[in-house]
C-alpha atoms as a PDB file:
ATOM      1  CA  MET A   1     -74.656 -18.201 -91.089  1.00  0.00           C
ATOM      2  CA  ARG A   2     -74.191 -21.855 -91.999  1.00  0.00           C
ATOM      3  CA  LYS A   3     -76.929 -24.493 -91.788  1.00  0.00           C
ATOM      4  CA  THR A   4     -77.271 -28.112 -92.866  1.00  0.00           C
ATOM      5  CA  PHE A   5     -80.527 -29.715 -93.974  1.00  0.00           C
ATOM      6  CA  GLU A   6     -81.605 -33.225 -94.886  1.00  0.00           C
ATOM      7  CA  LEU A   7     -83.070 -33.678 -98.360  1.00  0.00           C
ATOM      8  CA  GLU A   8     -85.822 -36.223 -98.897  1.00  0.00           C
ATOM      9  CA  ASN A   9     -86.243 -38.049-102.210  1.00  0.00           C
ATOM     10  CA  LEU A  10     -82.994 -36.872-103.784  1.00  0.00           C
ATOM     11  CA  GLU A  11     -82.546 -39.516-106.467  1.00  0.00           C
ATOM     12  CA  CYS A  12     -80.047 -38.177-109.012  1.00  0.00           C
ATOM     13  CA  ALA A  13     -76.419 -37.142-108.479  1.00  0.00           C
ATOM     14  CA  ASN A  14     -76.423 -35.070-111.667  1.00  0.00           C
ATOM     15  CA  CYS A  15     -79.552 -33.224-110.547  1.00  0.00           C
ATOM     16  CA  ALA A  16     -77.948 -32.575-107.145  1.00  0.00           C
ATOM     17  CA  ALA A  17     -74.978 -30.937-108.894  1.00  0.00           C
ATOM     18  CA  LYS A  18     -77.330 -28.729-110.932  1.00  0.00           C
ATOM     19  CA  MET A  19     -79.299 -27.771-107.814  1.00  0.00           C
ATOM     20  CA  GLU A  20     -76.060 -26.882-106.034  1.00  0.00           C
ATOM     21  CA  ARG A  21     -74.936 -24.718-108.968  1.00  0.00           C
ATOM     22  CA  ASP A  22     -78.248 -22.860-109.211  1.00  0.00           C
ATOM     23  CA  ILE A  23     -78.630 -22.255-105.460  1.00  0.00           C
ATOM     24  CA  SER A  24     -75.003 -21.105-105.207  1.00  0.00           C
ATOM     25  CA  ALA A  25     -75.866 -18.377-107.726  1.00  0.00           C
ATOM     26  CA  PHE A  26     -78.289 -16.677-105.307  1.00  0.00           C
ATOM     27  CA  PRO A  27     -76.743 -13.292-104.375  1.00  0.00           C
ATOM     28  CA  GLU A  28     -76.985 -13.868-100.605  1.00  0.00           C
ATOM     29  CA  VAL A  29     -75.575 -17.423-100.731  1.00  0.00           C
ATOM     30  CA  LYS A  30     -71.868 -17.610 -99.985  1.00  0.00           C
ATOM     31  CA  LYS A  31     -71.672 -21.375-100.485  1.00  0.00           C
ATOM     32  CA  CYS A  32     -74.011 -24.284-101.122  1.00  0.00           C
ATOM     33  CA  THR A  33     -72.988 -27.925-101.101  1.00  0.00           C
ATOM     34  CA  ILE A  34     -75.382 -30.768-101.858  1.00  0.00           C
ATOM     35  CA  THR A  35     -74.039 -34.232-101.103  1.00  0.00           C
ATOM     36  CA  PHE A  36     -75.957 -36.890-103.001  1.00  0.00           C
ATOM     37  CA  MET A  37     -74.619 -39.837-100.970  1.00  0.00           C
ATOM     38  CA  THR A  38     -75.878 -38.418 -97.658  1.00  0.00           C
ATOM     39  CA  SER A  39     -78.843 -36.452 -99.055  1.00  0.00           C
ATOM     40  CA  ARG A  40     -77.740 -33.315 -97.251  1.00  0.00           C
ATOM     41  CA  MET A  41     -77.476 -29.683 -98.208  1.00  0.00           C
ATOM     42  CA  SER A  42     -75.085 -27.374 -96.410  1.00  0.00           C
ATOM     43  CA  ILE A  43     -75.692 -23.713 -97.105  1.00  0.00           C
ATOM     44  CA  THR A  44     -73.863 -20.586 -95.971  1.00  0.00           C
ATOM     45  CA  VAL A  45     -75.685 -17.286 -96.385  1.00  0.00           C
ATOM     46  CA  GLU A  46     -75.001 -13.658 -95.543  1.00  0.00           C
ATOM     47  CA  ASP A  47     -75.907 -12.866 -91.936  1.00  0.00           C
ATOM     48  CA  SER A  48     -78.510 -10.359 -93.138  1.00  0.00           C
ATOM     49  CA  ALA A  49     -80.211 -12.906 -95.429  1.00  0.00           C
ATOM     50  CA  ASP A  50     -83.735 -14.153 -94.818  1.00  0.00           C
ATOM     51  CA  LEU A  51     -83.029 -17.891 -94.537  1.00  0.00           C
ATOM     52  CA  ASP A  52     -86.677 -18.867 -94.974  1.00  0.00           C
ATOM     53  CA  ASP A  53     -86.816 -16.935 -98.243  1.00  0.00           C
ATOM     54  CA  VAL A  54     -83.576 -18.551 -99.455  1.00  0.00           C
ATOM     55  CA  LEU A  55     -84.905 -22.010 -98.578  1.00  0.00           C
ATOM     56  CA  ASP A  56     -88.235 -21.333-100.307  1.00  0.00           C
ATOM     57  CA  ARG A  57     -86.420 -20.331-103.497  1.00  0.00           C
ATOM     58  CA  ALA A  58     -84.034 -23.297-103.151  1.00  0.00           C
ATOM     59  CA  GLN A  59     -87.031 -25.612-102.847  1.00  0.00           C
ATOM     60  CA  LYS A  60     -88.437 -24.249-106.119  1.00  0.00           C
ATOM     61  CA  ILE A  61     -85.097 -24.905-107.834  1.00  0.00           C
ATOM     62  CA  MET A  62     -85.062 -28.474-106.496  1.00  0.00           C
ATOM     63  CA  LYS A  63     -88.638 -29.149-107.634  1.00  0.00           C
ATOM     64  CA  GLY A  64     -87.587 -28.084-111.127  1.00  0.00           C
ATOM     65  CA  TYR A  65     -85.085 -30.947-111.268  1.00  0.00           C
ATOM     66  CA  GLU A  66     -86.760 -33.548-109.026  1.00  0.00           C
ATOM     67  CA  LYS A  67     -90.421 -32.941-108.291  1.00  0.00           C
ATOM     68  CA  ASP A  68     -90.430 -35.056-105.096  1.00  0.00           C
ATOM     69  CA  CYS A  69     -87.227 -33.661-103.551  1.00  0.00           C
ATOM     70  CA  THR A  70     -87.879 -31.629-100.392  1.00  0.00           C
ATOM     71  CA  ILE A  71     -85.810 -29.796 -97.796  1.00  0.00           C
ATOM     72  CA  VAL A  72     -86.454 -31.065 -94.262  1.00  0.00           C
ATOM     73  CA  ARG A  73     -86.530 -28.004 -92.018  1.00  0.00           C
END
């Protein structure tokens, strides 16, 4: 399953790259791309994955790099 989400308050391209790397490491994530210029995250997960759980964990990763960055669901 592939979904795209808007990211609010993404302010650092380097942080976006780190977020992308860390979220891509989740076992159920096949691919994660965060585009700083458009403030969007595209994520592909296993069909059996709990997307809400993945997004909750992704949000925690993002807050670790940029405390005001949020995923718009």
